[in-house]
Amino acid sequence: MERAGEHEADQGQVPSLIAMAVRQARDAGHRAGVVVVSADLGGPPLGVLTWPGVWTVTAQRPAAGAWVPRWGNVAIDFEERHGGGAGGDREPRIPPACPSALAAEAEPPDKSTSH
């Protein structure tokens, strides 16, 4: 016979993760006693797939409210969030050349003109 509270001790209830940033979803999963992972279990770890950038959970399995073994996996699908953020483009930019440096490479003035 199961005593009250035993179910929660060895189980974790899956939180609703859809529309959360992946980082927040991982934290919510940890608080609930489950591990949030990429739906592609054979692929790279979730942290590698979602760095850098801001990624949003688009689907989860099992659904919110389900019970899974404590520290069991909750698989998520996710996509990168574009626009609206202040982060901007992370691509390195090459600074423009100094005008005096360009002058050194310019052709010398033609001194063959007569006075």
Protein backbone atom coordinates (compact mmCIF):
# COMPACT_ATOMS: atom_id res chain seq x y z
CA MET A 1 0.00 0.00 0.00
CA GLU A 2 1.40 3.41 -1.00
CA ARG A 3 1.52 6.04 1.71
CA ALA A 4 0.69 9.68 1.06
CA GLY A 5 3.71 11.52 -0.30
CA GLU A 6 5.55 8.41 -1.52
CA HIS A 7 4.44 9.09 -5.09
CA GLU A 8 6.08 12.51 -5.06
CA ALA A 9 9.28 11.18 -3.46
CA ASP A 10 10.19 8.89 -6.37
CA GLN A 11 8.38 10.79 -9.13
CA GLY A 12 8.64 14.22 -10.69
CA GLN A 13 5.65 16.04 -12.15
CA VAL A 14 6.43 17.50 -15.58
CA PRO A 15 5.99 21.29 -15.62
CA SER A 16 4.61 23.23 -18.58
CA LEU A 17 7.70 24.26 -20.56
CA ILE A 18 6.26 25.40 -23.90
CA ALA A 19 7.07 29.05 -24.77
CA MET A 20 9.77 29.25 -22.09
CA ALA A 21 13.37 30.06 -22.94
CA VAL A 22 15.34 26.80 -22.89
CA ARG A 23 17.47 28.04 -20.00
CA GLN A 24 14.34 28.76 -17.92
CA ALA A 25 12.83 25.41 -18.93
CA ARG A 26 15.92 23.59 -17.67
CA ASP A 27 15.67 25.44 -14.34
CA ALA A 28 11.93 24.69 -14.05
CA GLY A 29 12.60 21.03 -14.80
CA HIS A 30 15.29 20.86 -12.14
CA ARG A 31 12.95 22.39 -9.54
CA ALA A 32 10.33 19.77 -10.49
CA GLY A 33 12.81 16.89 -10.26
CA VAL A 34 13.05 16.13 -13.99
CA VAL A 35 15.82 16.57 -16.55
CA VAL A 36 15.06 18.64 -19.65
CA VAL A 37 16.86 17.22 -22.71
CA SER A 38 16.86 17.64 -26.48
CA ALA A 39 14.36 15.44 -28.32
CA ASP A 40 17.35 14.10 -30.29
CA LEU A 41 18.76 11.91 -27.53
CA GLY A 42 21.57 10.66 -29.78
CA GLY A 43 22.71 14.18 -30.66
CA PRO A 44 24.76 16.80 -28.84
CA PRO A 45 23.75 17.92 -25.34
CA LEU A 46 21.05 20.56 -25.01
CA GLY A 47 23.52 23.18 -23.76
CA VAL A 48 25.63 22.81 -26.91
CA LEU A 49 22.62 23.03 -29.21
CA THR A 50 21.26 26.19 -27.61
CA TRP A 51 24.38 28.30 -27.13
CA PRO A 52 24.76 31.09 -28.00
CA GLY A 53 21.42 32.76 -28.51
CA VAL A 54 17.98 32.63 -26.99
CA TRP A 55 16.03 29.48 -27.77
CA THR A 56 12.33 28.87 -27.05
CA VAL A 57 10.64 25.55 -26.25
CA THR A 58 8.09 24.67 -28.94
CA ALA A 59 7.03 21.16 -27.82
CA GLN A 60 7.61 18.76 -24.93
CA ARG A 61 7.22 15.04 -24.27
CA PRO A 62 5.69 13.97 -21.94
CA ALA A 63 3.05 16.67 -21.60
CA ALA A 64 2.77 19.00 -18.62
CA GLY A 65 1.20 17.34 -15.59
CA ALA A 66 2.53 13.85 -16.36
CA TRP A 67 4.51 12.01 -13.70
CA VAL A 68 7.92 10.53 -14.58
CA PRO A 69 10.52 8.76 -12.47
CA ARG A 70 12.51 11.24 -10.37
CA TRP A 71 15.23 12.79 -12.60
CA GLY A 72 13.65 11.20 -15.66
CA ASN A 73 13.92 12.94 -19.02
CA VAL A 74 11.51 15.46 -20.52
CA ALA A 75 12.35 15.84 -24.22
CA ILE A 76 11.85 19.24 -25.82
CA ASP A 77 11.85 20.72 -29.30
CA PHE A 78 13.03 24.30 -29.56
CA GLU A 79 13.78 27.09 -31.99
CA GLU A 80 15.93 30.18 -31.89
CA ARG A 81 14.14 33.39 -30.97
CA HIS A 82 14.88 36.15 -33.48
CA GLY A 83 14.32 39.88 -33.21
CA GLY A 84 13.20 41.96 -30.29
CA GLY A 85 16.33 41.27 -28.29
CA ALA A 86 19.03 43.75 -27.46
CA GLY A 87 21.80 41.20 -28.00
CA GLY A 88 22.23 41.94 -31.68
CA ASP A 89 24.54 40.14 -34.06
CA ARG A 90 27.41 38.33 -32.33
CA GLU A 91 29.51 38.07 -35.50
CA PRO A 92 32.93 39.70 -35.07
CA ARG A 93 33.36 42.90 -37.01
CA ILE A 94 36.62 44.14 -38.54
CA PRO A 95 37.17 47.81 -37.76
CA PRO A 96 37.53 50.13 -40.75
CA ALA A 97 41.07 50.90 -41.87
CA CYS A 98 42.75 54.10 -40.71
CA PRO A 99 42.78 56.66 -43.60
CA SER A 100 46.49 57.40 -43.10
CA ALA A 101 47.27 53.68 -43.41
CA LEU A 102 45.45 53.59 -46.75
CA ALA A 103 47.40 56.64 -47.97
CA ALA A 104 50.65 54.71 -47.58
CA GLU A 105 49.40 52.18 -50.14
CA ALA A 106 48.20 54.79 -52.64
CA GLU A 107 50.10 55.39 -55.90
CA PRO A 108 52.63 58.22 -55.56
CA PRO A 109 51.60 61.42 -57.35
CA ASP A 110 52.74 61.67 -60.98
CA LYS A 111 55.70 64.10 -61.04
CA SER A 112 56.19 63.95 -64.80
CA THR A 113 53.87 66.86 -65.50
CA SER A 114 55.59 70.08 -66.66
CA HIS A 115 55.49 73.31 -64.74
